Amino acid sequence: MKKKSHVIGKAAGMVLTMTIICGVLYTIAVTGISQLFFHDKANGSVIEIDGKKYGCELLAQQFTGDEYMWGRIMNLSVFTDQDGNAKMYSGPSNLSSKSEEYEKLIDERVAKIREANPDADTDKIPEDLVTCSGSGLDPDISLAAAQYQLPRIAEARGMSEEDMEAVIDECTTHKILGIFGEERVNVLKVNLMLDGIME
C-alpha cells in the first residue's frame, strides 16, 4: 500500500512538473521570444501607420477603382447570424473547372479585366486575375498580374509607368536565392504606397 501511494505521488509530481515546464514556462518563453524578435508577425502582420491600422498584409482586401491595383477574385459570402450581426465567409469555389457555369464565370471575368485594361502590354491575362485562390483571401498576385495593370493605374493617377513600376518593385517578394518560389506582389502594400500612406 505504501509502495502504491509512493508511485502515485511520483506520478502526480511528474505531471505537475511537466505541466509547469510545458504549459507555463515554455509558453512564456515562446511568447516572449516571438514578441521580442518577431513583434509584427507575432501580432498578425498588421500594417499600422501613425496609430491607424490599415489591414493585415497576409489577408486580401478588395479594391475596385481604376486607380488601384486589383487582387485575386475574392470568393465572399455575406450572411446575417441569428443575432442580426453581419458575417462574412471566404473560401474556394465549389464549381468544377469543367462545368459550363465555371467557364461562363471565367469568360465574364476575362471580359471585365480586358475592358478595364485596354492599354495592357499583352492580350494574355494572367490566370490569377480571373481565378480564386484556395483560401479566397490571397493577399498577393503574380508579378505578371501586377504589370498587366500598370498602364491603367498609371493613367488613372497621372503618374509615369516608370514610377508605377518602382512601386510594384518595392512591394515585390522575390524568389529565395533567385531560384525557389515565385515572385509575388502584395496588393495592399502597393495601394497604400500609391495613396501616399506607406513609403
N, C-alpha and C. Protein backbone atom coordinates (compact mmCIF):
# COMPACT_ATOMS: atom_id res chain seq x y z
N MET A 1 0.84 -1.20 0.00
CA MET A 1 0.00 0.00 0.00
C MET A 1 0.87 1.25 0.00
N LYS A 2 1.91 1.18 0.84
CA LYS A 2 2.83 2.30 0.92
C LYS A 2 3.54 2.51 -0.42
N LYS A 3 3.93 1.37 -1.05
CA LYS A 3 4.62 1.45 -2.33
C LYS A 3 3.71 2.05 -3.41
N LYS A 4 2.42 1.67 -3.38
CA LYS A 4 1.46 2.17 -4.36
C LYS A 4 1.27 3.68 -4.22
N SER A 5 1.13 4.14 -2.98
CA SER A 5 0.95 5.57 -2.77
C SER A 5 2.20 6.35 -3.15
N HIS A 6 3.36 5.71 -2.98
CA HIS A 6 4.63 6.35 -3.36
C HIS A 6 4.69 6.55 -4.88
N VAL A 7 4.25 5.52 -5.62
CA VAL A 7 4.23 5.59 -7.09
C VAL A 7 3.25 6.67 -7.56
N ILE A 8 2.07 6.72 -6.94
CA ILE A 8 1.07 7.73 -7.30
C ILE A 8 1.61 9.13 -7.02
N GLY A 9 2.29 9.29 -5.89
CA GLY A 9 2.88 10.58 -5.55
C GLY A 9 3.92 11.03 -6.56
N LYS A 10 4.76 10.05 -7.00
CA LYS A 10 5.78 10.37 -8.00
C LYS A 10 5.15 10.76 -9.34
N ALA A 11 4.10 10.00 -9.71
CA ALA A 11 3.41 10.28 -10.97
C ALA A 11 2.76 11.66 -10.94
N ALA A 12 2.11 11.97 -9.83
CA ALA A 12 1.46 13.28 -9.70
C ALA A 12 2.49 14.41 -9.75
N GLY A 13 3.63 14.17 -9.10
CA GLY A 13 4.71 15.16 -9.13
C GLY A 13 5.24 15.39 -10.53
N MET A 14 5.36 14.28 -11.29
CA MET A 14 5.83 14.39 -12.67
C MET A 14 4.83 15.16 -13.54
N VAL A 15 3.54 14.85 -13.37
CA VAL A 15 2.50 15.56 -14.13
C VAL A 15 2.55 17.05 -13.82
N LEU A 16 2.67 17.39 -12.56
CA LEU A 16 2.72 18.80 -12.15
C LEU A 16 3.96 19.49 -12.72
N THR A 17 5.10 18.80 -12.62
CA THR A 17 6.36 19.37 -13.15
C THR A 17 6.28 19.62 -14.65
N MET A 18 5.80 18.62 -15.39
CA MET A 18 5.70 18.76 -16.85
C MET A 18 4.66 19.82 -17.25
N THR A 19 3.60 19.93 -16.46
CA THR A 19 2.59 20.97 -16.73
C THR A 19 3.21 22.36 -16.59
N ILE A 20 4.01 22.53 -15.55
CA ILE A 20 4.66 23.83 -15.32
C ILE A 20 5.67 24.12 -16.43
N ILE A 21 6.48 23.09 -16.79
CA ILE A 21 7.51 23.29 -17.81
C ILE A 21 6.89 23.53 -19.19
N CYS A 22 6.00 22.61 -19.60
CA CYS A 22 5.45 22.68 -20.96
C CYS A 22 4.28 23.66 -21.10
N GLY A 23 3.47 23.74 -20.06
CA GLY A 23 2.27 24.57 -20.17
C GLY A 23 2.47 26.01 -19.77
N VAL A 24 3.45 26.28 -18.91
CA VAL A 24 3.65 27.65 -18.42
C VAL A 24 4.98 28.24 -18.90
N LEU A 25 6.10 27.61 -18.50
CA LEU A 25 7.41 28.18 -18.83
C LEU A 25 7.67 28.22 -20.33
N TYR A 26 7.33 27.11 -21.03
CA TYR A 26 7.54 27.06 -22.47
C TYR A 26 6.70 28.12 -23.18
N THR A 27 5.44 28.25 -22.77
CA THR A 27 4.55 29.24 -23.37
C THR A 27 5.07 30.66 -23.17
N ILE A 28 5.52 30.96 -21.97
CA ILE A 28 6.07 32.29 -21.67
C ILE A 28 7.32 32.55 -22.51
N ALA A 29 8.19 31.53 -22.62
CA ALA A 29 9.44 31.68 -23.37
C ALA A 29 9.17 31.93 -24.86
N VAL A 30 8.29 31.12 -25.44
CA VAL A 30 7.99 31.26 -26.88
C VAL A 30 7.30 32.60 -27.16
N THR A 31 6.35 32.96 -26.30
CA THR A 31 5.65 34.25 -26.48
C THR A 31 6.63 35.41 -26.34
N GLY A 32 7.50 35.34 -25.35
CA GLY A 32 8.48 36.41 -25.13
C GLY A 32 9.44 36.55 -26.30
N ILE A 33 9.96 35.42 -26.80
CA ILE A 33 10.91 35.45 -27.92
C ILE A 33 10.23 36.00 -29.18
N SER A 34 9.00 35.53 -29.44
CA SER A 34 8.30 35.99 -30.65
C SER A 34 7.99 37.48 -30.57
N GLN A 35 7.61 37.98 -29.40
CA GLN A 35 7.32 39.41 -29.25
C GLN A 35 8.59 40.25 -29.36
N LEU A 36 9.70 39.69 -28.89
CA LEU A 36 10.96 40.42 -28.91
C LEU A 36 11.59 40.49 -30.30
N PHE A 37 11.60 39.34 -31.00
CA PHE A 37 12.30 39.27 -32.28
C PHE A 37 11.39 39.32 -33.51
N PHE A 38 10.13 38.94 -33.34
CA PHE A 38 9.20 38.91 -34.48
C PHE A 38 7.89 39.60 -34.10
N HIS A 39 7.99 40.80 -33.55
CA HIS A 39 6.84 41.50 -33.00
C HIS A 39 5.68 41.63 -33.99
N ASP A 40 5.98 42.12 -35.21
CA ASP A 40 4.92 42.35 -36.20
C ASP A 40 4.23 41.05 -36.61
N LYS A 41 5.04 40.03 -36.89
CA LYS A 41 4.46 38.75 -37.32
C LYS A 41 3.68 38.09 -36.18
N ALA A 42 4.18 38.19 -34.97
CA ALA A 42 3.50 37.57 -33.82
C ALA A 42 2.16 38.22 -33.54
N ASN A 43 2.00 39.46 -33.98
CA ASN A 43 0.75 40.18 -33.73
C ASN A 43 -0.13 40.29 -34.97
N GLY A 44 0.08 39.39 -35.94
CA GLY A 44 -0.82 39.29 -37.08
C GLY A 44 -0.39 40.02 -38.34
N SER A 45 0.86 40.50 -38.38
CA SER A 45 1.38 41.21 -39.57
C SER A 45 0.45 42.35 -40.00
N VAL A 46 -0.06 43.08 -39.02
CA VAL A 46 -0.96 44.20 -39.30
C VAL A 46 -0.15 45.42 -39.72
N ILE A 47 -0.58 46.07 -40.80
CA ILE A 47 0.08 47.30 -41.25
C ILE A 47 -0.54 48.46 -40.49
N GLU A 48 0.26 49.05 -39.61
CA GLU A 48 -0.21 50.18 -38.77
C GLU A 48 0.69 51.38 -39.01
N ILE A 49 0.10 52.50 -39.38
CA ILE A 49 0.86 53.72 -39.65
C ILE A 49 0.25 54.87 -38.88
N ASP A 50 1.07 55.52 -38.08
CA ASP A 50 0.62 56.65 -37.25
C ASP A 50 -0.58 56.27 -36.38
N GLY A 51 -0.54 55.06 -35.84
CA GLY A 51 -1.60 54.61 -34.93
C GLY A 51 -2.85 54.09 -35.60
N LYS A 52 -2.91 54.14 -36.93
CA LYS A 52 -4.09 53.66 -37.65
C LYS A 52 -3.77 52.34 -38.34
N LYS A 53 -4.65 51.36 -38.16
CA LYS A 53 -4.46 50.04 -38.75
C LYS A 53 -5.17 49.99 -40.10
N TYR A 54 -4.42 49.58 -41.13
CA TYR A 54 -4.95 49.55 -42.49
C TYR A 54 -5.27 48.14 -42.99
N GLY A 55 -4.90 47.14 -42.23
CA GLY A 55 -5.19 45.77 -42.64
C GLY A 55 -4.00 44.87 -42.40
N CYS A 56 -4.21 43.61 -42.63
CA CYS A 56 -3.17 42.60 -42.46
C CYS A 56 -2.54 42.32 -43.81
N GLU A 57 -1.22 42.31 -43.86
CA GLU A 57 -0.56 42.06 -45.14
C GLU A 57 -0.69 40.61 -45.59
N LEU A 58 -1.26 39.75 -44.74
CA LEU A 58 -1.45 38.34 -45.08
C LEU A 58 -2.86 38.03 -45.56
N LEU A 59 -3.76 39.03 -45.52
CA LEU A 59 -5.14 38.83 -45.95
C LEU A 59 -5.53 39.85 -47.01
N ALA A 60 -6.22 39.39 -48.03
CA ALA A 60 -6.60 40.27 -49.14
C ALA A 60 -7.66 41.28 -48.71
N GLN A 61 -7.64 42.41 -49.40
CA GLN A 61 -8.72 43.39 -49.31
C GLN A 61 -9.18 43.67 -50.73
N GLN A 62 -10.43 44.02 -50.88
CA GLN A 62 -10.97 44.21 -52.22
C GLN A 62 -10.83 45.66 -52.66
N PHE A 63 -10.20 45.87 -53.81
CA PHE A 63 -10.06 47.18 -54.42
C PHE A 63 -10.69 47.12 -55.80
N THR A 64 -11.47 48.15 -56.15
CA THR A 64 -12.18 48.10 -57.43
C THR A 64 -11.95 49.32 -58.31
N GLY A 65 -11.46 50.42 -57.76
CA GLY A 65 -11.27 51.63 -58.56
C GLY A 65 -10.15 51.49 -59.58
N ASP A 66 -10.25 52.22 -60.69
CA ASP A 66 -9.22 52.17 -61.73
C ASP A 66 -7.86 52.61 -61.22
N GLU A 67 -7.85 53.45 -60.18
CA GLU A 67 -6.60 53.97 -59.65
C GLU A 67 -5.90 53.01 -58.69
N TYR A 68 -6.52 51.85 -58.46
CA TYR A 68 -5.95 50.87 -57.54
C TYR A 68 -5.55 49.58 -58.25
N MET A 69 -4.59 48.91 -57.65
CA MET A 69 -4.25 47.58 -58.14
C MET A 69 -5.30 46.61 -57.63
N TRP A 70 -5.74 45.72 -58.50
CA TRP A 70 -6.74 44.72 -58.12
C TRP A 70 -6.04 43.43 -57.76
N GLY A 71 -6.58 42.78 -56.74
CA GLY A 71 -6.03 41.49 -56.33
C GLY A 71 -6.78 40.34 -56.97
N ARG A 72 -6.60 39.17 -56.40
CA ARG A 72 -7.29 37.99 -56.90
C ARG A 72 -8.78 38.09 -56.59
N ILE A 73 -9.57 37.31 -57.30
CA ILE A 73 -11.00 37.27 -57.05
C ILE A 73 -11.23 36.78 -55.61
N MET A 74 -12.07 37.50 -54.88
CA MET A 74 -12.40 37.09 -53.51
C MET A 74 -13.75 36.40 -53.52
N ASN A 75 -13.75 35.17 -53.08
CA ASN A 75 -14.98 34.38 -53.05
C ASN A 75 -15.64 34.58 -51.69
N LEU A 76 -16.43 35.65 -51.59
CA LEU A 76 -17.02 36.03 -50.31
C LEU A 76 -18.51 35.73 -50.26
N SER A 77 -18.95 35.26 -49.11
CA SER A 77 -20.37 35.07 -48.84
C SER A 77 -20.70 35.86 -47.59
N VAL A 78 -21.65 36.76 -47.70
CA VAL A 78 -22.05 37.58 -46.55
C VAL A 78 -23.43 37.13 -46.09
N PHE A 79 -23.57 36.92 -44.78
CA PHE A 79 -24.85 36.49 -44.24
C PHE A 79 -25.07 37.12 -42.87
N THR A 80 -26.27 37.05 -42.37
CA THR A 80 -26.61 37.60 -41.06
C THR A 80 -26.88 36.45 -40.10
N ASP A 81 -26.23 36.50 -38.91
CA ASP A 81 -26.44 35.43 -37.94
C ASP A 81 -27.74 35.64 -37.17
N GLN A 82 -28.04 34.75 -36.23
CA GLN A 82 -29.32 34.80 -35.51
C GLN A 82 -29.46 36.04 -34.63
N ASP A 83 -28.31 36.70 -34.32
CA ASP A 83 -28.36 37.92 -33.52
C ASP A 83 -28.43 39.18 -34.38
N GLY A 84 -28.51 38.99 -35.70
CA GLY A 84 -28.61 40.13 -36.62
C GLY A 84 -27.28 40.74 -37.00
N ASN A 85 -26.17 40.07 -36.65
CA ASN A 85 -24.85 40.58 -36.99
C ASN A 85 -24.43 40.09 -38.37
N ALA A 86 -23.84 41.00 -39.15
CA ALA A 86 -23.37 40.63 -40.49
C ALA A 86 -22.09 39.80 -40.35
N LYS A 87 -22.03 38.69 -41.04
CA LYS A 87 -20.87 37.80 -41.01
C LYS A 87 -20.38 37.59 -42.43
N MET A 88 -19.09 37.35 -42.54
CA MET A 88 -18.52 37.13 -43.86
C MET A 88 -17.77 35.81 -43.87
N TYR A 89 -17.95 35.04 -44.92
CA TYR A 89 -17.27 33.77 -45.08
C TYR A 89 -16.49 33.80 -46.39
N SER A 90 -15.27 33.31 -46.36
CA SER A 90 -14.48 33.24 -47.57
C SER A 90 -13.96 31.83 -47.75
N GLY A 91 -13.90 31.39 -48.98
CA GLY A 91 -13.38 30.06 -49.24
C GLY A 91 -13.30 29.80 -50.72
N PRO A 92 -12.81 28.63 -51.09
CA PRO A 92 -12.69 28.31 -52.50
C PRO A 92 -14.05 28.07 -53.14
N SER A 93 -14.09 28.15 -54.45
CA SER A 93 -15.33 27.89 -55.18
C SER A 93 -15.60 26.39 -55.23
N ASN A 94 -16.87 26.02 -55.20
CA ASN A 94 -17.24 24.61 -55.30
C ASN A 94 -17.53 24.19 -56.75
N LEU A 95 -17.37 25.15 -57.68
CA LEU A 95 -17.67 24.85 -59.07
C LEU A 95 -16.55 24.01 -59.69
N SER A 96 -16.93 23.06 -60.49
CA SER A 96 -15.95 22.26 -61.23
C SER A 96 -15.35 23.11 -62.34
N SER A 97 -14.05 22.98 -62.55
CA SER A 97 -13.40 23.75 -63.61
C SER A 97 -13.86 23.30 -65.00
N LYS A 98 -14.57 22.19 -65.07
CA LYS A 98 -15.07 21.68 -66.35
C LYS A 98 -16.54 22.07 -66.59
N SER A 99 -17.16 22.68 -65.61
CA SER A 99 -18.59 22.99 -65.73
C SER A 99 -18.83 24.21 -66.61
N GLU A 100 -20.00 24.27 -67.22
CA GLU A 100 -20.37 25.41 -68.06
C GLU A 100 -20.48 26.68 -67.23
N GLU A 101 -20.97 26.54 -66.02
CA GLU A 101 -21.13 27.70 -65.13
C GLU A 101 -19.77 28.33 -64.82
N TYR A 102 -18.77 27.48 -64.58
CA TYR A 102 -17.43 27.98 -64.28
C TYR A 102 -16.83 28.67 -65.50
N GLU A 103 -16.98 28.06 -66.67
CA GLU A 103 -16.46 28.65 -67.91
C GLU A 103 -17.10 30.00 -68.19
N LYS A 104 -18.41 30.09 -67.93
CA LYS A 104 -19.12 31.35 -68.13
C LYS A 104 -18.60 32.42 -67.16
N LEU A 105 -18.36 32.02 -65.93
CA LEU A 105 -17.84 32.92 -64.90
C LEU A 105 -16.46 33.45 -65.30
N ILE A 106 -15.60 32.56 -65.78
CA ILE A 106 -14.26 32.97 -66.21
C ILE A 106 -14.34 33.90 -67.40
N ASP A 107 -15.22 33.60 -68.35
CA ASP A 107 -15.39 34.46 -69.53
C ASP A 107 -15.82 35.87 -69.13
N GLU A 108 -16.71 35.96 -68.14
CA GLU A 108 -17.18 37.27 -67.65
C GLU A 108 -16.03 38.04 -66.99
N ARG A 109 -15.23 37.33 -66.23
CA ARG A 109 -14.09 37.97 -65.56
C ARG A 109 -13.06 38.44 -66.57
N VAL A 110 -12.79 37.61 -67.57
CA VAL A 110 -11.83 37.98 -68.62
C VAL A 110 -12.31 39.24 -69.34
N ALA A 111 -13.59 39.30 -69.68
CA ALA A 111 -14.14 40.47 -70.36
C ALA A 111 -14.00 41.72 -69.50
N LYS A 112 -14.25 41.58 -68.21
CA LYS A 112 -14.15 42.71 -67.29
C LYS A 112 -12.71 43.22 -67.19
N ILE A 113 -11.76 42.29 -67.08
CA ILE A 113 -10.35 42.67 -66.97
C ILE A 113 -9.88 43.34 -68.26
N ARG A 114 -10.28 42.79 -69.42
CA ARG A 114 -9.88 43.36 -70.71
C ARG A 114 -10.44 44.78 -70.88
N GLU A 115 -11.70 44.94 -70.48
CA GLU A 115 -12.35 46.26 -70.61
C GLU A 115 -11.68 47.29 -69.73
N ALA A 116 -11.26 46.87 -68.52
CA ALA A 116 -10.64 47.80 -67.58
C ALA A 116 -9.19 48.11 -67.92
N ASN A 117 -8.56 47.23 -68.70
CA ASN A 117 -7.13 47.39 -69.01
C ASN A 117 -6.88 47.37 -70.52
N PRO A 118 -7.46 48.33 -71.27
CA PRO A 118 -7.32 48.31 -72.73
C PRO A 118 -5.89 48.55 -73.20
N ASP A 119 -5.07 49.18 -72.35
CA ASP A 119 -3.69 49.50 -72.75
C ASP A 119 -2.67 48.52 -72.20
N ALA A 120 -3.14 47.36 -71.72
CA ALA A 120 -2.21 46.35 -71.18
C ALA A 120 -1.22 45.93 -72.27
N ASP A 121 0.00 45.63 -71.84
CA ASP A 121 1.06 45.30 -72.79
C ASP A 121 0.84 43.98 -73.51
N THR A 122 -0.03 43.14 -73.01
CA THR A 122 -0.27 41.84 -73.62
C THR A 122 -1.76 41.51 -73.58
N ASP A 123 -2.22 40.74 -74.56
CA ASP A 123 -3.61 40.30 -74.56
C ASP A 123 -3.83 39.13 -73.61
N LYS A 124 -2.73 38.47 -73.26
CA LYS A 124 -2.84 37.30 -72.38
C LYS A 124 -3.00 37.75 -70.94
N ILE A 125 -4.17 37.47 -70.37
CA ILE A 125 -4.45 37.88 -68.99
C ILE A 125 -3.86 36.85 -68.02
N PRO A 126 -3.06 37.31 -67.06
CA PRO A 126 -2.53 36.37 -66.06
C PRO A 126 -3.67 35.64 -65.34
N GLU A 127 -3.50 34.36 -65.17
CA GLU A 127 -4.55 33.50 -64.62
C GLU A 127 -5.06 33.95 -63.26
N ASP A 128 -4.15 34.48 -62.43
CA ASP A 128 -4.58 34.83 -61.07
C ASP A 128 -5.47 36.07 -61.02
N LEU A 129 -5.66 36.77 -62.12
CA LEU A 129 -6.59 37.91 -62.13
C LEU A 129 -8.03 37.47 -62.36
N VAL A 130 -8.22 36.24 -62.79
CA VAL A 130 -9.58 35.78 -63.09
C VAL A 130 -9.97 34.52 -62.30
N THR A 131 -9.11 34.07 -61.40
CA THR A 131 -9.42 32.88 -60.60
C THR A 131 -9.25 33.18 -59.12
N CYS A 132 -9.94 32.39 -58.29
CA CYS A 132 -9.81 32.48 -56.83
C CYS A 132 -8.61 31.67 -56.36
N SER A 133 -8.07 32.06 -55.23
CA SER A 133 -7.07 31.21 -54.59
C SER A 133 -7.80 30.17 -53.74
N GLY A 134 -7.07 29.24 -53.19
CA GLY A 134 -7.70 28.20 -52.35
C GLY A 134 -8.42 28.78 -51.16
N SER A 135 -7.85 29.83 -50.54
CA SER A 135 -8.46 30.44 -49.36
C SER A 135 -9.52 31.47 -49.73
N GLY A 136 -9.40 32.01 -50.94
CA GLY A 136 -10.29 33.11 -51.33
C GLY A 136 -9.84 34.44 -50.76
N LEU A 137 -8.71 34.45 -50.03
CA LEU A 137 -8.21 35.69 -49.41
C LEU A 137 -6.71 35.86 -49.63
N ASP A 138 -6.23 35.47 -50.80
CA ASP A 138 -4.81 35.57 -51.10
C ASP A 138 -4.41 37.04 -51.24
N PRO A 139 -3.43 37.52 -50.44
CA PRO A 139 -3.08 38.94 -50.47
C PRO A 139 -2.16 39.32 -51.62
N ASP A 140 -1.58 38.34 -52.28
CA ASP A 140 -0.58 38.60 -53.31
C ASP A 140 -1.08 38.20 -54.70
N ILE A 141 -0.48 38.83 -55.70
CA ILE A 141 -0.69 38.42 -57.08
C ILE A 141 0.68 38.23 -57.72
N SER A 142 0.70 37.59 -58.86
CA SER A 142 1.97 37.38 -59.55
C SER A 142 2.50 38.71 -60.09
N LEU A 143 3.79 38.74 -60.36
CA LEU A 143 4.39 39.95 -60.92
C LEU A 143 3.77 40.26 -62.28
N ALA A 144 3.46 39.23 -63.04
CA ALA A 144 2.83 39.43 -64.36
C ALA A 144 1.46 40.08 -64.21
N ALA A 145 0.69 39.68 -63.18
CA ALA A 145 -0.64 40.25 -62.94
C ALA A 145 -0.54 41.71 -62.53
N ALA A 146 0.50 42.05 -61.77
CA ALA A 146 0.71 43.44 -61.36
C ALA A 146 1.10 44.30 -62.56
N GLN A 147 2.01 43.79 -63.37
CA GLN A 147 2.47 44.55 -64.53
C GLN A 147 1.38 44.71 -65.59
N TYR A 148 0.47 43.74 -65.67
CA TYR A 148 -0.65 43.83 -66.60
C TYR A 148 -1.51 45.06 -66.30
N GLN A 149 -1.63 45.41 -65.02
CA GLN A 149 -2.49 46.52 -64.60
C GLN A 149 -1.77 47.87 -64.61
N LEU A 150 -0.45 47.83 -64.79
CA LEU A 150 0.38 49.02 -64.66
C LEU A 150 -0.09 50.20 -65.53
N PRO A 151 -0.36 50.03 -66.83
CA PRO A 151 -0.78 51.18 -67.64
C PRO A 151 -2.08 51.83 -67.14
N ARG A 152 -3.05 51.01 -66.73
CA ARG A 152 -4.33 51.55 -66.25
C ARG A 152 -4.15 52.41 -65.00
N ILE A 153 -3.39 51.89 -64.04
CA ILE A 153 -3.20 52.61 -62.77
C ILE A 153 -2.40 53.89 -63.00
N ALA A 154 -1.35 53.79 -63.81
CA ALA A 154 -0.52 54.97 -64.09
C ALA A 154 -1.35 56.07 -64.74
N GLU A 155 -2.19 55.70 -65.69
CA GLU A 155 -3.03 56.69 -66.37
C GLU A 155 -4.06 57.30 -65.42
N ALA A 156 -4.69 56.45 -64.60
CA ALA A 156 -5.72 56.93 -63.67
C ALA A 156 -5.13 57.89 -62.64
N ARG A 157 -3.88 57.69 -62.29
CA ARG A 157 -3.24 58.52 -61.26
C ARG A 157 -2.39 59.63 -61.86
N GLY A 158 -2.25 59.67 -63.17
CA GLY A 158 -1.44 60.70 -63.80
C GLY A 158 0.03 60.59 -63.45
N MET A 159 0.51 59.36 -63.31
CA MET A 159 1.92 59.14 -62.98
C MET A 159 2.59 58.39 -64.12
N SER A 160 3.90 58.41 -64.15
CA SER A 160 4.61 57.71 -65.21
C SER A 160 4.62 56.21 -64.93
N GLU A 161 4.73 55.44 -66.00
CA GLU A 161 4.78 53.99 -65.83
C GLU A 161 6.07 53.57 -65.11
N GLU A 162 7.13 54.37 -65.26
CA GLU A 162 8.38 54.08 -64.56
C GLU A 162 8.19 54.20 -63.05
N ASP A 163 7.46 55.25 -62.61
CA ASP A 163 7.20 55.43 -61.18
C ASP A 163 6.31 54.31 -60.66
N MET A 164 5.34 53.91 -61.48
CA MET A 164 4.46 52.81 -61.09
C MET A 164 5.24 51.51 -60.98
N GLU A 165 6.14 51.31 -61.89
CA GLU A 165 7.00 50.12 -61.87
C GLU A 165 7.83 50.09 -60.59
N ALA A 166 8.31 51.24 -60.15
CA ALA A 166 9.12 51.33 -58.93
C ALA A 166 8.30 50.94 -57.70
N VAL A 167 7.03 51.36 -57.67
CA VAL A 167 6.15 50.99 -56.56
C VAL A 167 5.93 49.47 -56.54
N ILE A 168 5.68 48.91 -57.70
CA ILE A 168 5.47 47.45 -57.79
C ILE A 168 6.72 46.72 -57.32
N ASP A 169 7.89 47.19 -57.75
CA ASP A 169 9.14 46.53 -57.36
C ASP A 169 9.36 46.59 -55.86
N GLU A 170 8.98 47.72 -55.26
CA GLU A 170 9.13 47.91 -53.80
C GLU A 170 8.28 46.90 -53.02
N CYS A 171 7.15 46.50 -53.60
CA CYS A 171 6.21 45.62 -52.91
C CYS A 171 6.29 44.17 -53.39
N THR A 172 7.36 43.85 -54.13
CA THR A 172 7.53 42.51 -54.66
C THR A 172 8.42 41.67 -53.77
N THR A 173 7.96 40.47 -53.48
CA THR A 173 8.79 39.48 -52.78
C THR A 173 9.43 38.62 -53.86
N HIS A 174 10.75 38.65 -53.92
CA HIS A 174 11.45 37.94 -54.98
C HIS A 174 11.73 36.49 -54.59
N LYS A 175 12.13 35.69 -55.55
CA LYS A 175 12.43 34.29 -55.32
C LYS A 175 13.56 34.16 -54.29
N ILE A 176 13.47 33.14 -53.45
CA ILE A 176 14.51 32.88 -52.46
C ILE A 176 15.75 32.39 -53.20
N LEU A 177 16.87 33.07 -52.98
CA LEU A 177 18.14 32.77 -53.65
C LEU A 177 18.02 32.86 -55.17
N GLY A 178 16.96 33.56 -55.62
CA GLY A 178 16.76 33.71 -57.05
C GLY A 178 16.28 32.46 -57.75
N ILE A 179 15.95 31.43 -56.98
CA ILE A 179 15.57 30.13 -57.56
C ILE A 179 14.23 29.63 -57.05
N PHE A 180 14.06 29.65 -55.74
CA PHE A 180 12.91 28.99 -55.11
C PHE A 180 11.71 29.92 -54.98
N GLY A 181 10.52 29.36 -55.24
CA GLY A 181 9.28 30.11 -55.11
C GLY A 181 8.98 30.94 -56.33
N GLU A 182 7.98 31.79 -56.20
CA GLU A 182 7.55 32.66 -57.28
C GLU A 182 7.59 34.11 -56.83
N GLU A 183 7.86 35.02 -57.74
CA GLU A 183 7.80 36.44 -57.41
C GLU A 183 6.34 36.82 -57.23
N ARG A 184 6.05 37.53 -56.15
CA ARG A 184 4.67 37.91 -55.87
C ARG A 184 4.62 39.34 -55.34
N VAL A 185 3.49 39.98 -55.60
CA VAL A 185 3.32 41.39 -55.25
C VAL A 185 2.19 41.53 -54.25
N ASN A 186 2.43 42.23 -53.14
CA ASN A 186 1.41 42.43 -52.12
C ASN A 186 0.52 43.60 -52.53
N VAL A 187 -0.74 43.31 -52.80
CA VAL A 187 -1.68 44.30 -53.34
C VAL A 187 -1.95 45.43 -52.35
N LEU A 188 -2.16 45.11 -51.09
CA LEU A 188 -2.44 46.13 -50.08
C LEU A 188 -1.29 47.12 -49.96
N LYS A 189 -0.06 46.61 -49.93
CA LYS A 189 1.10 47.50 -49.82
C LYS A 189 1.20 48.44 -51.02
N VAL A 190 0.97 47.89 -52.22
CA VAL A 190 1.02 48.73 -53.43
C VAL A 190 0.03 49.88 -53.31
N ASN A 191 -1.20 49.56 -52.93
CA ASN A 191 -2.25 50.58 -52.87
C ASN A 191 -2.01 51.60 -51.76
N LEU A 192 -1.44 51.17 -50.66
CA LEU A 192 -1.10 52.11 -49.59
C LEU A 192 0.02 53.05 -50.04
N MET A 193 0.97 52.51 -50.80
CA MET A 193 2.03 53.37 -51.32
C MET A 193 1.50 54.35 -52.35
N LEU A 194 0.60 53.88 -53.19
CA LEU A 194 0.00 54.76 -54.20
C LEU A 194 -0.78 55.91 -53.57
N ASP A 195 -1.42 55.62 -52.44
CA ASP A 195 -2.19 56.66 -51.74
C ASP A 195 -1.31 57.54 -50.85
N GLY A 196 -0.01 57.25 -50.83
CA GLY A 196 0.91 58.05 -50.03
C GLY A 196 0.84 57.77 -48.55
N ILE A 197 0.19 56.67 -48.18
CA ILE A 197 0.06 56.30 -46.76
C ILE A 197 1.31 55.58 -46.27
N MET A 198 1.86 54.77 -47.15
CA MET A 198 3.02 53.96 -46.80
C MET A 198 4.17 54.34 -47.73
N GLU A 199 5.38 54.39 -47.18
CA GLU A 199 6.54 54.75 -48.01
C GLU A 199 7.37 53.53 -48.33
